[in-house]
Every structure is written in structure tokens, then in C-alpha cells.
Amino acid sequence: MLELRNINKQSGAEKHLSDISLRLERGTLNVLLGPTLSGKTSLMRIMAGLDRPTSGTIHVDGVDVTGVSPQKRDVAMVFQQFINYPSMTVYENIASPMRVARADRKSIDDAVQRAAALMKLTPYLDRMPLNLSGGQQQRTALARAIVKNAGLVLLDEPLANLDYKLREELRAELPRIFAESGTIFVYATTEPSEALLLGGNTATLAQGHVTQFGPTIDVFRSPVDLVTARTFADPPLNTISADKTGNTFVLESGVGIPAVDAIADGIYTIGFQPHHLSLTPSGAEAVALRTVVAALEITGSESFVHLRFVGADWIMLTPGVQDFAVGQEIEVFLDPRLLLVFDGTGRAVGQTPALAA
């Protein structure tokens, strides 16, 4: 188990990490999700022993390793800025951790061949890294991390330079490989969709704080606050201010949305994911909203429709190719059971996680 206790990291007046405590169990996949500069890489460097926290401690299986160097820890790291040994072939780069560990020749060869096959590197084993593409060099670094069979594997946006097909394959394979070995697997990403594809647990980060940690689907469905909900939304979370009166949220336009949860009357922010808006009602509870099309993005399989509603700008994610004109008024529908509700401090006060898929 890897345990971070009250980790802080500060450089001068700038605070990079603030009071972070996490417990990561062996055999688990743990995603660090947050925008650029949210603290993901800083936290990983402290986990690896590359940097020392300003305060707080790091424990592995109950032993304090805060001041222990990376060389004396059972850690494998792959960062987006991949590093390979330029004077070694791809084969020797992959094999290097096992050679340091004095593994026998057959064990090394078997492990290298398996990792190379997974990373689609078999034809390139005799090449030097500088004769490879950027994506092939990144895959070499990933293969080296696999054969090291370390107790802690840290991957910082490692698939960003790979083509789409291989990226999707590795997203499915990597968690299985590391889980089977009992490794603590930590994967940093800026993409909510990647966190959902990987599964496991997710820690959401914002401005150096961990805002929530738990099973990935639970954090997505039941964010504890508005910051977490926005971190875990791509396209951005749709929000609007609402006045809760009796059993109804009254929007600025005068439209009323039934309040599913029993909460006190007052002003709240209600939020919902772009795919929770639809062109047809999803059930008898769905509320019709008159909106104006501001922009349209078509990907082929789906359309991102940018909408203006009184007091708010929203995005609707809808299947297929839509043919709306900018300025066109359209009716969209929202199921009130899918709403996330936040109070004036941004804390979640009402939601129905079972429905908020």
C-alpha cells in the first residue's frame, strides 16, 4: 500500500500541492484527473521520490520512505516527455531494468518479447531510439515499465503521442497487466473520458488540491462539489442558477424544473452533463426548454450543439449529424432526475447518482 499523509509542496510563495492524503492499495488502478497545472505531475514526482514534499510523509506498506531516493524504491515511471537510452537498441532499452536486477537471459528475452508484442515494437527491436517515431519511442518507454514489474508504476499522460487505435488498445490492456502483477498503478490524465475508460479509482485535482477520491464511476456520478463536477466533465458541465421554491427549481426564464430531492428553499446552482440534454423527451418527467443554437460541431457519429438559454450558455451532445442553423430556436429536454445541485459554497446538496449515467 502507498499512503500519502498531509502532503504539501511549496516553492517560495507558490503552493503546488495542499494537504493531500491518499491511500492506494496494491493491485489497483488509480487515475489522477485534472487540468494542466492542477498538480498531477508534482504529486507523481513526490510519489516516485524525485521530489521531496515541503511537509507531510509518504509510506509504503507502513514504512516511511519520504527521504528515500527513486533508485532505492520499487518504482517505474513513464512521463509524457519519454526518456530512452540513445546508445542502446530498443531491445536493450526494454531489457535494462531486468539486467540491473540480474535476471537470467531467458527470463529477460521472454519478458522483452511479450512487452514488445503488446506495444507493436517487435519489428523495431534492433533499432536505436533516435531512428523511431515519437510514438514508437513512447511505446519503448512503456514496454520498459512493464518488464520492470515494479510495485508502483507511474504513468503521466503516457498515451498522448500514440495513434487512436493503439491508444484505445492500451487503455484496455495496461490496467489488466499491472493489476495481475499486484502493482499500484497511477495514471495521470487531463481527459475525463480517459478516466472513465480506465475505470478503477479516480482522484480529481484542482489547483493543487485533491477534491475527491473514490471509484471512478462514483466520482463521476456523485461529485461532492461543483469544482469536482466541472473537472469530470468534457464537454464542460452545463450549469444555471435556480431559485428553489417548494418542490420546484425556478430558472431565470420562469421555467420550473421539479426538485427531486428534499432540500431547503433558496438559491442553488444546478448542473447536468451535455448528453443529458436531448431532442426528444426521455420520460414523462422531462422538462422542455426553449433554446437558441449558437454554434454546431459535427464529428460524424455525434453533434455538439452549442445553445443559449436565458442566463446561460450550454452544450448538448446528441447522436448523429444534426442540421441546425446558427440562430435557430430549438426545443430540448432535460430529465430533472439527472440534475446535480450545489449550494452557495459549491457543495453538492442534491443528486441521484443511480440515474446520473
Protein backbone atom coordinates (compact mmCIF):
# COMPACT_ATOMS: atom_id res chain seq x y z
CA MET A 1 0.00 0.00 0.00
CA LEU A 2 1.12 3.54 -0.81
CA GLU A 3 -0.05 6.16 1.65
CA LEU A 4 0.37 9.92 1.33
CA ARG A 5 -0.15 11.80 4.59
CA ASN A 6 -0.87 15.53 4.53
CA ILE A 7 1.42 16.24 1.56
CA ASN A 8 2.25 19.87 0.84
CA LYS A 9 4.64 21.21 -1.80
CA GLN A 10 5.62 24.84 -1.96
CA SER A 11 8.22 26.86 -3.91
CA GLY A 12 8.61 30.30 -2.41
CA ALA A 13 5.15 31.83 -2.22
CA GLU A 14 3.76 29.42 -4.83
CA LYS A 15 1.91 26.40 -3.47
CA HIS A 16 1.83 23.40 -5.82
CA LEU A 17 0.13 20.84 -3.55
CA SER A 18 -2.05 21.42 -0.50
CA ASP A 19 -2.74 18.92 2.30
CA ILE A 20 -3.12 15.79 0.14
CA SER A 21 -3.83 12.46 1.83
CA LEU A 22 -4.40 9.29 -0.22
CA ARG A 23 -4.27 5.53 0.36
CA LEU A 24 -3.58 3.44 -2.77
CA GLU A 25 -3.89 -0.34 -2.43
CA ARG A 26 -1.82 -2.95 -4.28
CA GLY A 27 -3.40 -4.29 -7.46
CA THR A 28 -5.43 -1.11 -8.00
CA LEU A 29 -5.63 1.36 -10.87
CA ASN A 30 -5.70 4.96 -9.66
CA VAL A 31 -6.31 7.88 -12.02
CA LEU A 32 -5.19 11.43 -11.28
CA LEU A 33 -7.62 13.61 -13.23
CA GLY A 34 -7.25 17.36 -13.58
CA PRO A 35 -6.42 20.17 -15.99
CA THR A 36 -2.88 21.27 -16.80
CA LEU A 37 -1.13 22.77 -13.73
CA SER A 38 -3.60 21.16 -11.31
CA GLY A 39 -0.75 19.33 -9.53
CA LYS A 40 -0.79 15.86 -11.14
CA THR A 41 2.88 15.74 -12.17
CA SER A 42 4.03 17.35 -8.90
CA LEU A 43 2.18 14.66 -6.97
CA MET A 44 3.63 11.86 -9.11
CA ARG A 45 7.17 13.15 -8.67
CA ILE A 46 6.69 13.06 -4.90
CA MET A 47 5.26 9.52 -5.12
CA ALA A 48 8.36 8.48 -7.09
CA GLY A 49 10.83 10.15 -4.75
CA LEU A 50 12.09 12.56 -7.41
CA ASP A 51 10.92 15.48 -5.25
CA ARG A 52 10.50 15.78 -1.51
CA PRO A 53 7.36 17.36 -0.06
CA THR A 54 7.66 20.61 1.88
CA SER A 55 5.71 18.84 4.61
CA GLY A 56 3.94 15.52 5.01
CA THR A 57 5.15 11.94 4.60
CA ILE A 58 4.99 9.03 2.13
CA HIS A 59 4.62 5.48 3.40
CA VAL A 60 4.92 2.16 1.54
CA ASP A 61 3.45 -0.82 3.41
CA GLY A 62 3.69 1.19 6.62
CA VAL A 63 7.34 2.23 6.15
CA ASP A 64 8.18 5.94 5.86
CA VAL A 65 10.06 6.41 2.56
CA THR A 66 9.81 10.21 2.37
CA GLY A 67 13.57 10.76 2.03
CA VAL A 68 14.36 7.58 0.08
CA SER A 69 15.75 8.08 -3.44
CA PRO A 70 13.95 6.68 -6.51
CA GLN A 71 16.80 4.20 -7.07
CA LYS A 72 16.01 2.59 -3.73
CA ARG A 73 12.28 2.41 -4.35
CA ASP A 74 10.38 -0.21 -6.35
CA VAL A 75 9.10 2.33 -8.89
CA ALA A 76 8.69 2.51 -12.67
CA MET A 77 7.89 5.85 -14.30
CA VAL A 78 6.78 6.90 -17.76
CA PHE A 79 6.16 10.57 -18.35
CA GLN A 80 4.78 12.30 -21.42
CA GLN A 81 8.31 13.52 -22.10
CA PHE A 82 9.56 9.95 -22.61
CA ILE A 83 13.19 9.05 -21.85
CA ASN A 84 15.14 6.23 -23.53
CA TYR A 85 18.83 5.37 -23.60
CA PRO A 86 20.00 6.68 -27.01
CA SER A 87 23.05 4.37 -27.21
CA MET A 88 21.01 1.19 -26.68
CA THR A 89 18.76 -0.68 -29.10
CA VAL A 90 15.04 -0.87 -28.43
CA TYR A 91 15.58 -4.42 -27.14
CA GLU A 92 18.25 -3.30 -24.68
CA ASN A 93 16.18 -0.31 -23.57
CA ILE A 94 13.29 -2.59 -22.70
CA ALA A 95 15.57 -5.18 -21.08
CA SER A 96 17.58 -2.69 -19.00
CA PRO A 97 15.59 -2.93 -15.71
CA MET A 98 15.83 -6.72 -15.77
CA ARG A 99 19.57 -6.62 -16.49
CA VAL A 100 20.06 -4.32 -13.50
CA ALA A 101 18.08 -6.84 -11.42
CA ARG A 102 20.40 -9.61 -12.76
CA ALA A 103 17.57 -11.69 -14.25
CA ASP A 104 18.59 -14.69 -16.35
CA ARG A 105 18.83 -14.42 -20.14
CA LYS A 106 15.71 -16.47 -20.94
CA SER A 107 13.54 -14.54 -18.47
CA ILE A 108 14.75 -11.27 -20.00
CA ASP A 109 14.10 -12.40 -23.55
CA ASP A 110 10.63 -13.76 -22.76
CA ALA A 111 9.63 -10.54 -20.97
CA VAL A 112 11.01 -8.29 -23.71
CA GLN A 113 9.30 -10.24 -26.47
CA ARG A 114 5.94 -10.13 -24.65
CA ALA A 115 6.17 -6.40 -23.94
CA ALA A 116 7.35 -5.64 -27.49
CA ALA A 117 4.43 -7.60 -28.96
CA LEU A 118 1.95 -5.71 -26.78
CA MET A 119 3.45 -2.37 -27.82
CA LYS A 120 3.70 -3.34 -31.52
CA LEU A 121 7.50 -2.97 -31.34
CA THR A 122 8.66 -6.41 -32.46
CA PRO A 123 9.90 -5.22 -35.90
CA TYR A 124 11.94 -2.45 -34.27
CA LEU A 125 13.83 -4.29 -31.53
CA ASP A 126 17.19 -3.90 -33.31
CA ARG A 127 16.76 -0.18 -33.99
CA MET A 128 18.14 2.72 -32.00
CA PRO A 129 15.58 5.03 -30.34
CA LEU A 130 16.57 8.02 -32.46
CA ASN A 131 15.52 6.07 -35.55
CA LEU A 132 11.98 5.69 -34.23
CA SER A 133 8.96 7.96 -34.39
CA GLY A 134 7.88 9.79 -31.25
CA GLY A 135 5.06 7.32 -30.71
CA GLN A 136 7.41 4.34 -31.06
CA GLN A 137 9.82 5.88 -28.56
CA GLN A 138 6.96 6.37 -26.09
CA ARG A 139 5.93 2.74 -26.54
CA THR A 140 9.53 1.69 -25.83
CA ALA A 141 9.41 3.55 -22.52
CA LEU A 142 6.08 1.89 -21.68
CA ALA A 143 7.47 -1.57 -22.51
CA ARG A 144 10.42 -0.92 -20.17
CA ALA A 145 8.00 -0.05 -17.36
CA ILE A 146 6.08 -3.28 -17.97
CA VAL A 147 9.10 -5.59 -17.77
CA LYS A 148 10.40 -3.89 -14.62
CA ASN A 149 7.41 -5.37 -12.77
CA ALA A 150 7.66 -2.66 -10.13
CA GLY A 151 5.42 -2.34 -7.09
CA LEU A 152 4.47 1.22 -8.12
CA VAL A 153 4.00 2.26 -11.75
CA LEU A 154 3.50 5.96 -12.51
CA LEU A 155 2.26 6.94 -15.96
CA ASP A 156 1.90 10.67 -16.67
CA GLU A 157 -0.26 11.12 -19.79
CA PRO A 158 1.70 8.29 -21.44
CA LEU A 159 -0.60 7.70 -24.42
CA ALA A 160 -0.87 11.30 -25.63
CA ASN A 161 1.59 10.76 -28.53
CA LEU A 162 0.09 7.49 -29.81
CA ASP A 163 -2.35 6.96 -32.65
CA TYR A 164 -6.02 6.48 -31.80
CA LYS A 165 -6.27 2.72 -32.40
CA LEU A 166 -3.22 1.80 -30.31
CA ARG A 167 -4.23 4.25 -27.60
CA GLU A 168 -7.61 2.52 -27.25
CA GLU A 169 -6.00 -0.92 -27.17
CA LEU A 170 -3.51 0.07 -24.47
CA ARG A 171 -6.18 1.74 -22.34
CA ALA A 172 -7.82 -1.66 -22.12
CA GLU A 173 -4.63 -3.73 -21.70
CA LEU A 174 -2.46 -1.70 -19.31
CA PRO A 175 -4.78 -1.84 -16.27
CA ARG A 176 -5.13 -5.62 -16.67
CA ILE A 177 -1.36 -6.15 -16.96
CA PHE A 178 -0.49 -4.14 -13.87
CA ALA A 179 -3.45 -5.42 -11.79
CA GLU A 180 -2.44 -9.03 -12.41
CA SER A 181 1.05 -8.27 -11.06
CA GLY A 182 -0.30 -6.70 -7.86
CA THR A 183 1.17 -3.33 -8.87
CA ILE A 184 -0.11 0.02 -7.63
CA PHE A 185 -0.88 1.68 -10.94
CA VAL A 186 -1.18 5.50 -11.06
CA TYR A 187 -2.20 7.15 -14.32
CA ALA A 188 -2.43 10.93 -14.81
CA THR A 189 -4.69 12.44 -17.45
CA THR A 190 -6.48 15.66 -18.35
CA GLU A 191 -9.29 13.78 -20.10
CA PRO A 192 -12.44 12.74 -18.19
CA SER A 193 -13.28 10.26 -20.96
CA GLU A 194 -9.93 8.52 -20.43
CA ALA A 195 -10.57 8.22 -16.68
CA LEU A 196 -13.96 6.63 -17.39
CA LEU A 197 -12.45 4.20 -19.91
CA LEU A 198 -9.73 3.14 -17.47
CA GLY A 199 -12.11 2.70 -14.52
CA GLY A 200 -10.56 1.85 -11.15
CA ASN A 201 -10.36 4.79 -8.74
CA THR A 202 -10.06 8.47 -9.57
CA ALA A 203 -8.66 11.41 -7.62
CA THR A 204 -9.79 14.73 -9.06
CA LEU A 205 -7.29 17.57 -8.70
CA ALA A 206 -7.79 21.32 -8.90
CA GLN A 207 -5.20 23.97 -8.03
CA GLY A 208 -3.10 21.54 -6.02
CA HIS A 209 -5.98 20.07 -4.02
CA VAL A 210 -7.50 16.59 -4.28
CA THR A 211 -11.19 17.44 -4.33
CA GLN A 212 -12.48 13.84 -4.29
CA PHE A 213 -11.17 10.26 -4.39
CA GLY A 214 -13.10 7.06 -4.90
CA PRO A 215 -14.33 4.56 -7.51
CA THR A 216 -14.22 6.36 -10.85
CA ILE A 217 -17.88 5.92 -11.75
CA ASP A 218 -18.95 7.12 -8.28
CA VAL A 219 -16.86 10.29 -8.53
CA PHE A 220 -18.32 10.97 -11.98
CA ARG A 221 -21.93 10.33 -10.95
CA SER A 222 -21.77 11.84 -7.46
CA PRO A 223 -19.28 14.74 -7.33
CA VAL A 224 -19.02 16.22 -3.84
CA ASP A 225 -18.77 19.76 -5.16
CA LEU A 226 -19.03 21.93 -8.25
CA VAL A 227 -15.24 22.01 -8.78
CA THR A 228 -15.14 18.20 -8.99
CA ALA A 229 -18.16 18.10 -11.28
CA ARG A 230 -16.51 20.57 -13.66
CA THR A 231 -13.19 18.69 -13.53
CA PHE A 232 -15.02 15.50 -14.52
CA ALA A 233 -16.92 16.96 -17.48
CA ASP A 234 -15.82 17.16 -21.11
CA PRO A 235 -17.57 18.90 -22.86
CA PRO A 236 -17.97 21.31 -19.94
CA LEU A 237 -20.71 20.82 -17.36
CA ASN A 238 -23.87 22.79 -18.10
CA THR A 239 -24.93 24.99 -15.17
CA ILE A 240 -27.54 27.59 -14.35
CA SER A 241 -28.72 29.42 -11.23
CA ALA A 242 -32.12 28.38 -9.87
CA ASP A 243 -34.41 29.52 -7.08
CA LYS A 244 -35.73 26.51 -5.15
CA THR A 245 -39.29 27.25 -4.01
CA GLY A 246 -41.38 24.44 -2.65
CA ASN A 247 -40.98 21.45 -4.96
CA THR A 248 -39.66 23.43 -7.93
CA PHE A 249 -36.41 24.97 -9.20
CA VAL A 250 -37.43 28.20 -10.92
CA LEU A 251 -35.00 29.36 -13.60
CA GLU A 252 -34.41 32.97 -14.63
CA SER A 253 -36.65 32.42 -17.64
CA GLY A 254 -39.52 31.45 -15.36
CA VAL A 255 -39.37 27.80 -16.38
CA GLY A 256 -39.87 25.41 -13.49
CA ILE A 257 -37.99 22.13 -13.05
CA PRO A 258 -39.29 19.65 -10.44
CA ALA A 259 -36.99 19.24 -7.43
CA VAL A 260 -36.40 15.54 -6.89
CA ASP A 261 -34.53 15.78 -3.57
CA ALA A 262 -35.86 17.33 -0.37
CA ILE A 263 -33.65 20.37 0.24
CA ALA A 264 -34.31 23.78 1.78
CA ASP A 265 -35.64 26.64 -0.31
CA GLY A 266 -33.03 29.07 -1.60
CA ILE A 267 -30.70 29.87 -4.50
CA TYR A 268 -28.73 26.95 -5.95
CA THR A 269 -26.61 26.10 -8.96
CA ILE A 270 -27.97 23.16 -10.90
CA GLY A 271 -25.72 21.23 -13.26
CA PHE A 272 -26.05 18.48 -15.84
CA GLN A 273 -23.87 16.75 -18.42
CA PRO A 274 -24.13 17.70 -22.14
CA HIS A 275 -25.50 14.25 -23.01
CA HIS A 276 -28.35 14.76 -20.53
CA LEU A 277 -29.95 17.28 -22.91
CA SER A 278 -31.93 15.59 -25.68
CA LEU A 279 -34.06 16.46 -28.68
CA THR A 280 -36.86 14.16 -27.56
CA PRO A 281 -38.20 13.62 -24.02
CA SER A 282 -36.57 10.68 -22.24
CA GLY A 283 -39.60 10.13 -19.99
CA ALA A 284 -42.73 11.68 -18.59
CA GLU A 285 -40.67 13.79 -16.17
CA ALA A 286 -38.64 15.52 -18.91
CA VAL A 287 -38.89 19.33 -18.97
CA ALA A 288 -38.97 21.23 -22.29
CA LEU A 289 -36.60 24.19 -22.65
CA ARG A 290 -36.59 26.71 -25.50
CA THR A 291 -33.01 27.45 -26.59
CA VAL A 292 -31.18 29.18 -29.45
CA VAL A 293 -28.39 27.49 -31.46
CA ALA A 294 -25.11 29.42 -31.10
CA ALA A 295 -22.77 27.01 -32.91
CA LEU A 296 -22.66 23.46 -34.25
CA GLU A 297 -19.78 20.95 -34.27
CA ILE A 298 -20.27 17.67 -36.16
CA THR A 299 -17.89 14.74 -35.58
CA GLY A 300 -19.77 12.27 -37.80
CA SER A 301 -21.18 9.94 -35.16
CA GLU A 302 -22.42 12.77 -32.93
CA SER A 303 -23.01 16.51 -32.85
CA PHE A 304 -22.05 19.14 -30.28
CA VAL A 305 -24.78 21.78 -30.32
CA HIS A 306 -23.87 25.00 -28.52
CA LEU A 307 -27.02 26.55 -27.07
CA ARG A 308 -28.01 29.84 -25.50
CA PHE A 309 -30.61 29.75 -22.77
CA VAL A 310 -31.71 32.73 -20.68
CA GLY A 311 -28.74 33.45 -18.42
CA ALA A 312 -26.61 30.52 -19.59
CA ASP A 313 -24.53 29.01 -22.42
CA TRP A 314 -24.89 25.22 -22.74
CA ILE A 315 -23.64 22.36 -24.90
CA MET A 316 -25.83 19.45 -25.98
CA LEU A 317 -24.15 16.22 -27.10
CA THR A 318 -26.52 14.33 -29.35
CA PRO A 319 -26.09 11.26 -31.60
CA GLY A 320 -25.85 11.56 -35.37
CA VAL A 321 -25.49 14.53 -37.70
CA GLN A 322 -27.72 17.49 -36.85
CA ASP A 323 -28.50 20.24 -39.34
CA PHE A 324 -29.29 23.27 -37.24
CA ALA A 325 -28.67 26.86 -38.34
CA VAL A 326 -26.99 29.37 -36.07
CA GLY A 327 -29.73 31.48 -34.50
CA GLN A 328 -32.34 28.76 -34.91
CA GLU A 329 -34.65 28.27 -31.94
CA ILE A 330 -34.99 24.63 -30.87
CA GLU A 331 -36.70 22.79 -28.04
CA VAL A 332 -34.54 20.50 -25.91
CA PHE A 333 -35.48 18.26 -22.99
CA LEU A 334 -33.94 17.65 -19.57
CA ASP A 335 -34.80 14.89 -17.09
CA PRO A 336 -34.86 16.50 -13.60
CA ARG A 337 -33.73 13.21 -12.05
CA LEU A 338 -30.31 13.77 -13.66
CA LEU A 339 -29.63 17.14 -12.06
CA LEU A 340 -26.67 17.83 -9.79
CA VAL A 341 -27.48 20.51 -7.21
CA PHE A 342 -24.90 22.73 -5.48
CA ASP A 343 -25.35 25.28 -2.71
CA GLY A 344 -23.82 28.76 -2.49
CA THR A 345 -20.45 27.34 -1.35
CA GLY A 346 -20.34 24.90 -4.27
CA ARG A 347 -21.02 21.79 -2.17
CA ALA A 348 -23.33 19.14 -3.62
CA VAL A 349 -26.64 19.01 -1.77
CA GLY A 350 -28.91 17.01 -4.04
CA GLN A 351 -28.35 14.39 -6.69
CA THR A 352 -29.49 10.95 -7.81
CA PRO A 353 -26.33 9.01 -8.65
CA ALA A 354 -28.12 5.87 -9.84
CA LEU A 355 -29.62 7.82 -12.73
CA ALA A 356 -26.75 10.22 -13.49
CA ALA A 357 -25.07 7.98 -16.06
